[in-house]
Amino acid sequence: MDATNRGRVRVEPAAKRVRTYLGGRVVADTTSALLVWEVPYYPTYYFPLNDVDEAALKATGATKRSPSRGEAVLYTVTSGTAEAADAALAYPDSPLEQIRGYVRFEWDAMDAWFEEDEEVFFHPRDPYTRVDILPSSRHVRIEVDGVTVADSRNPHLLFETGLPTRYYLPKTDVRLDLLEHTDTVTHCPYKGTAQYWSVNGKKDLAWSYRTPLPESTKVAGLVAFYDEKLDVYVDGELQERPKTKFA
């Protein structure tokens, strides 16, 4: 099957085995998933109905309309002692023919997701996203409201498709006395689970991955800052603040 576009939706076959769990049981397990870009930022998985435990699906009678995908039938997912209302949907008469006969599960409603035998978090990995992490000798200085909060000549630069360069700095080069730990936690399918700090009283300006996923181990324990919200100097030059969804 070739990649297919309809409006902003792109569809293509996934090469990986994909599983999702609820209530400690496998609800769907397939080597024939579709990657569907419902939003530009990342794809979601659609499972062939034949690879879904149909006993776990109960139609709610509700529907949900998408301008590009058509009318969706909503299902409650029940597995073991767990129940997730409206956690699955299908488009039996979609104008996008490739997704007819497929089921999509709400990512956060399920207990766990696996690509092959590795658990993935937050959303599927985009096959067109690449993460490169390179050590550098550039001089990076971070300012918040005119106060220097980090100054390093040993950064690691993280290049991720579609995002600005992120500067990960050793904690020994960061004014940790200006950082206050928050309860915010995020998950990235490429880097892992991040913890956050407020900086000089501004919430969640900095983050770190204590135990990143294998492809991102080079940033373990290093601290990065939202360039969109503060001033970054590289080799003495003030960088333009990038405009992203994090701004």
Protein backbone atom coordinates (compact mmCIF):
# COMPACT_ATOMS: atom_id res chain seq x y z
CA MET A 1 0.00 0.00 0.00
CA ASP A 2 1.38 3.41 -0.93
CA ALA A 3 1.24 6.46 1.26
CA THR A 4 -2.07 8.26 0.74
CA ASN A 5 -3.06 11.86 1.46
CA ARG A 6 -6.51 13.33 1.96
CA GLY A 7 -6.52 16.94 3.02
CA ARG A 8 -4.05 17.08 5.86
CA VAL A 9 -4.31 13.35 6.63
CA ARG A 10 -1.53 11.07 5.45
CA VAL A 11 -1.75 7.27 5.62
CA GLU A 12 0.95 4.67 5.14
CA PRO A 13 1.65 1.13 6.35
CA ALA A 14 3.69 0.64 9.51
CA ALA A 15 6.58 -1.82 9.41
CA LYS A 16 6.55 -2.65 13.14
CA ARG A 17 4.53 -5.07 15.21
CA VAL A 18 2.24 -2.94 17.39
CA ARG A 19 0.34 -3.93 20.54
CA THR A 20 -1.83 -2.10 23.02
CA TYR A 21 -2.95 -3.27 26.47
CA LEU A 22 -5.82 -2.54 28.82
CA GLY A 23 -6.52 -4.22 32.15
CA GLY A 24 -3.34 -6.27 31.80
CA ARG A 25 -4.51 -7.90 28.58
CA VAL A 26 -3.70 -7.43 24.93
CA VAL A 27 -6.56 -5.66 23.18
CA ALA A 28 -4.93 -5.37 19.76
CA ASP A 29 -1.84 -7.00 18.25
CA THR A 30 -0.85 -6.54 14.62
CA THR A 31 1.97 -6.50 12.11
CA SER A 32 -0.31 -4.68 9.67
CA ALA A 33 -0.98 -1.38 11.41
CA LEU A 34 -1.45 1.88 9.57
CA LEU A 35 0.29 5.11 10.49
CA VAL A 36 -2.24 7.93 10.13
CA TRP A 37 -1.21 11.56 10.51
CA GLU A 38 -4.41 13.09 11.86
CA VAL A 39 -2.35 16.09 12.98
CA PRO A 40 0.90 17.35 11.41
CA TYR A 41 3.10 16.67 14.43
CA TYR A 42 3.01 12.89 14.78
CA PRO A 43 1.01 9.85 13.58
CA THR A 44 -1.38 7.51 15.36
CA TYR A 45 -1.88 3.78 14.90
CA TYR A 46 -4.89 2.16 13.24
CA PHE A 47 -5.36 -1.60 13.74
CA PRO A 48 -7.04 -3.98 11.29
CA LEU A 49 -10.29 -5.16 12.84
CA ASN A 50 -9.13 -8.78 12.44
CA ASP A 51 -6.22 -8.06 14.81
CA VAL A 52 -8.41 -6.53 17.53
CA ASP A 53 -10.17 -8.44 20.31
CA GLU A 54 -13.69 -7.68 19.15
CA ALA A 55 -15.09 -8.95 22.47
CA ALA A 56 -13.39 -5.95 24.09
CA LEU A 57 -15.33 -3.49 21.93
CA LYS A 58 -18.85 -2.35 22.69
CA ALA A 59 -20.48 0.23 20.47
CA THR A 60 -21.77 3.17 22.51
CA GLY A 61 -24.22 4.40 19.88
CA ALA A 62 -22.35 7.69 19.75
CA THR A 63 -20.62 9.03 16.68
CA LYS A 64 -17.96 11.63 16.02
CA ARG A 65 -17.41 13.44 12.75
CA SER A 66 -14.09 14.38 11.17
CA PRO A 67 -14.03 16.65 8.09
CA SER A 68 -11.36 14.48 6.49
CA ARG A 69 -12.12 11.00 7.86
CA GLY A 70 -15.91 11.04 7.95
CA GLU A 71 -18.33 9.67 10.57
CA ALA A 72 -16.74 7.60 13.34
CA VAL A 73 -18.48 4.95 15.44
CA LEU A 74 -17.35 5.11 19.08
CA TYR A 75 -16.67 2.10 21.28
CA THR A 76 -16.14 1.48 24.97
CA VAL A 77 -13.14 -0.80 25.49
CA THR A 78 -13.46 -3.43 28.24
CA SER A 79 -10.60 -5.72 29.17
CA GLY A 80 -10.19 -7.62 32.42
CA THR A 81 -11.57 -5.37 35.13
CA ALA A 82 -10.76 -2.20 33.20
CA GLU A 83 -13.17 -0.14 31.13
CA ALA A 84 -12.37 2.86 28.97
CA ALA A 85 -15.39 4.75 27.65
CA ASP A 86 -15.28 6.03 24.08
CA ALA A 87 -11.66 4.86 23.85
CA ALA A 88 -11.89 3.33 20.38
CA LEU A 89 -13.36 4.43 17.11
CA ALA A 90 -13.74 3.20 13.55
CA TYR A 91 -14.69 4.83 10.26
CA PRO A 92 -16.66 2.13 8.38
CA ASP A 93 -17.72 4.48 5.59
CA SER A 94 -14.76 6.85 5.57
CA PRO A 95 -14.04 8.72 2.34
CA LEU A 96 -10.44 7.72 3.11
CA GLU A 97 -10.72 4.15 1.88
CA GLN A 98 -7.47 2.96 3.48
CA ILE A 99 -8.82 3.28 7.03
CA ARG A 100 -12.09 1.42 6.47
CA GLY A 101 -12.02 -1.80 8.46
CA TYR A 102 -9.52 -0.37 10.95
CA VAL A 103 -9.86 0.66 14.61
CA ARG A 104 -8.06 3.47 16.41
CA PHE A 105 -7.59 3.55 20.20
CA GLU A 106 -7.19 6.69 22.28
CA TRP A 107 -3.55 6.57 23.31
CA ASP A 108 -3.94 7.85 26.88
CA ALA A 109 -6.96 5.62 27.58
CA MET A 110 -4.88 2.46 27.20
CA ASP A 111 -2.50 1.05 29.81
CA ALA A 112 0.51 0.47 27.57
CA TRP A 113 1.73 0.47 23.98
CA PHE A 114 4.52 -1.54 22.41
CA GLU A 115 6.40 -1.28 19.13
CA GLU A 116 7.89 -4.77 18.75
CA ASP A 117 8.91 -5.53 22.39
CA GLU A 118 9.77 -1.98 23.44
CA GLU A 119 7.24 0.14 25.30
CA VAL A 120 6.59 3.52 23.72
CA PHE A 121 5.14 6.60 25.38
CA PHE A 122 3.05 9.63 24.46
CA HIS A 123 2.55 8.77 20.76
CA PRO A 124 3.98 6.51 18.04
CA ARG A 125 7.45 7.22 16.79
CA ASP A 126 7.34 9.12 13.51
CA PRO A 127 9.48 7.31 10.92
CA TYR A 128 10.40 10.70 9.47
CA THR A 129 11.68 12.14 12.75
CA ARG A 130 15.36 11.82 13.51
CA VAL A 131 17.19 12.69 16.73
CA ASP A 132 20.93 13.41 16.62
CA ILE A 133 22.88 14.32 19.76
CA LEU A 134 26.36 15.75 19.29
CA PRO A 135 28.94 16.94 21.83
CA SER A 136 30.10 20.47 21.16
CA SER A 137 32.66 23.02 22.33
CA ARG A 138 30.37 25.97 21.65
CA HIS A 139 29.98 28.47 24.46
CA VAL A 140 26.31 28.46 25.53
CA ARG A 141 24.95 30.93 28.05
CA ILE A 142 21.32 31.03 29.25
CA GLU A 143 19.71 34.18 30.66
CA VAL A 144 16.32 34.62 32.33
CA ASP A 145 15.30 38.25 32.84
CA GLY A 146 18.93 39.32 32.59
CA VAL A 147 20.19 36.74 35.10
CA THR A 148 22.65 34.11 33.88
CA VAL A 149 21.27 30.72 34.91
CA ALA A 150 23.66 28.51 32.92
CA ASP A 151 27.08 28.96 31.30
CA SER A 152 28.78 26.05 29.57
CA ARG A 153 31.52 25.24 27.09
CA ASN A 154 30.59 21.54 27.13
CA PRO A 155 27.05 21.36 25.76
CA HIS A 156 25.43 18.53 23.90
CA LEU A 157 23.35 19.75 20.96
CA LEU A 158 20.17 17.81 20.24
CA PHE A 159 18.87 18.07 16.69
CA GLU A 160 15.32 16.76 16.30
CA THR A 161 13.41 16.95 13.04
CA GLY A 162 10.99 19.87 13.03
CA LEU A 163 12.22 21.42 16.28
CA PRO A 164 14.88 24.03 17.09
CA THR A 165 18.29 22.92 18.32
CA ARG A 166 18.19 22.15 22.04
CA TYR A 167 21.24 22.81 24.18
CA TYR A 168 21.72 20.21 26.93
CA LEU A 169 24.13 21.42 29.61
CA PRO A 170 25.93 19.68 32.49
CA LYS A 171 24.32 20.42 35.85
CA THR A 172 27.69 21.68 37.09
CA ASP A 173 27.32 24.53 34.58
CA VAL A 174 23.79 25.41 35.72
CA ARG A 175 22.77 27.68 38.61
CA LEU A 176 20.84 24.94 40.38
CA ASP A 177 20.06 27.35 43.21
CA LEU A 178 17.77 29.20 40.77
CA LEU A 179 15.91 26.03 39.76
CA GLU A 180 12.87 24.75 41.63
CA HIS A 181 11.58 21.26 40.88
CA THR A 182 7.95 21.04 39.71
CA ASP A 183 5.49 18.15 39.43
CA THR A 184 5.41 18.34 35.64
CA VAL A 185 6.34 15.14 33.81
CA THR A 186 6.26 14.53 30.05
CA HIS A 187 6.94 11.48 27.92
CA CYS A 188 8.73 11.46 24.58
CA PRO A 189 8.90 8.33 22.40
CA TYR A 190 12.43 9.26 21.35
CA LYS A 191 13.95 10.50 24.61
CA GLY A 192 11.93 9.10 27.51
CA THR A 193 10.44 10.72 30.63
CA ALA A 194 11.41 14.28 31.52
CA GLN A 195 11.30 16.09 34.85
CA TYR A 196 10.94 19.89 34.97
CA TRP A 197 12.08 22.92 36.92
CA SER A 198 10.89 26.46 37.29
CA VAL A 199 13.69 28.94 36.70
CA ASN A 200 13.93 32.15 38.65
CA GLY A 201 10.21 31.81 39.46
CA LYS A 202 9.03 31.01 35.90
CA LYS A 203 7.33 27.61 35.63
CA ASP A 204 8.75 24.71 33.63
CA LEU A 205 11.51 26.52 31.74
CA ALA A 206 14.02 23.69 32.13
CA TRP A 207 13.92 19.91 31.90
CA SER A 208 16.12 16.83 32.10
CA TYR A 209 15.98 13.12 31.31
CA ARG A 210 17.41 11.09 34.18
CA THR A 211 17.20 7.77 32.36
CA PRO A 212 16.54 8.46 28.69
CA LEU A 213 15.72 5.83 26.10
CA PRO A 214 18.70 4.10 24.45
CA GLU A 215 18.93 6.40 21.42
CA SER A 216 19.15 9.47 23.67
CA THR A 217 21.50 8.34 26.45
CA LYS A 218 23.95 11.13 25.62
CA VAL A 219 21.65 13.66 27.32
CA ALA A 220 21.20 11.65 30.53
CA GLY A 221 21.24 14.02 33.50
CA LEU A 222 21.85 17.12 31.37
CA VAL A 223 19.60 20.18 31.57
CA ALA A 224 17.88 21.88 28.63
CA PHE A 225 15.92 25.11 28.49
CA TYR A 226 13.01 26.37 26.42
CA ASP A 227 14.77 28.72 23.98
CA GLU A 228 11.33 30.08 23.11
CA LYS A 229 10.93 31.63 26.57
CA LEU A 230 14.36 32.96 27.54
CA ASP A 231 17.61 34.30 26.06
CA VAL A 232 20.25 31.97 24.66
CA TYR A 233 23.73 33.18 23.73
CA VAL A 234 25.88 30.91 21.55
CA ASP A 235 29.51 31.96 21.20
CA GLY A 236 28.50 35.37 22.44
CA GLU A 237 25.65 35.92 19.98
CA LEU A 238 22.06 36.24 21.16
CA GLN A 239 19.91 33.69 19.33
CA GLU A 240 16.52 34.55 17.91
CA ARG A 241 13.75 32.97 19.96
CA PRO A 242 12.20 30.19 17.89
CA LYS A 243 8.48 30.18 17.21
CA THR A 244 7.05 26.76 18.04
CA LYS A 245 4.01 25.27 19.76
CA PHE A 246 6.01 25.54 23.01
CA ALA A 247 6.36 29.33 22.78
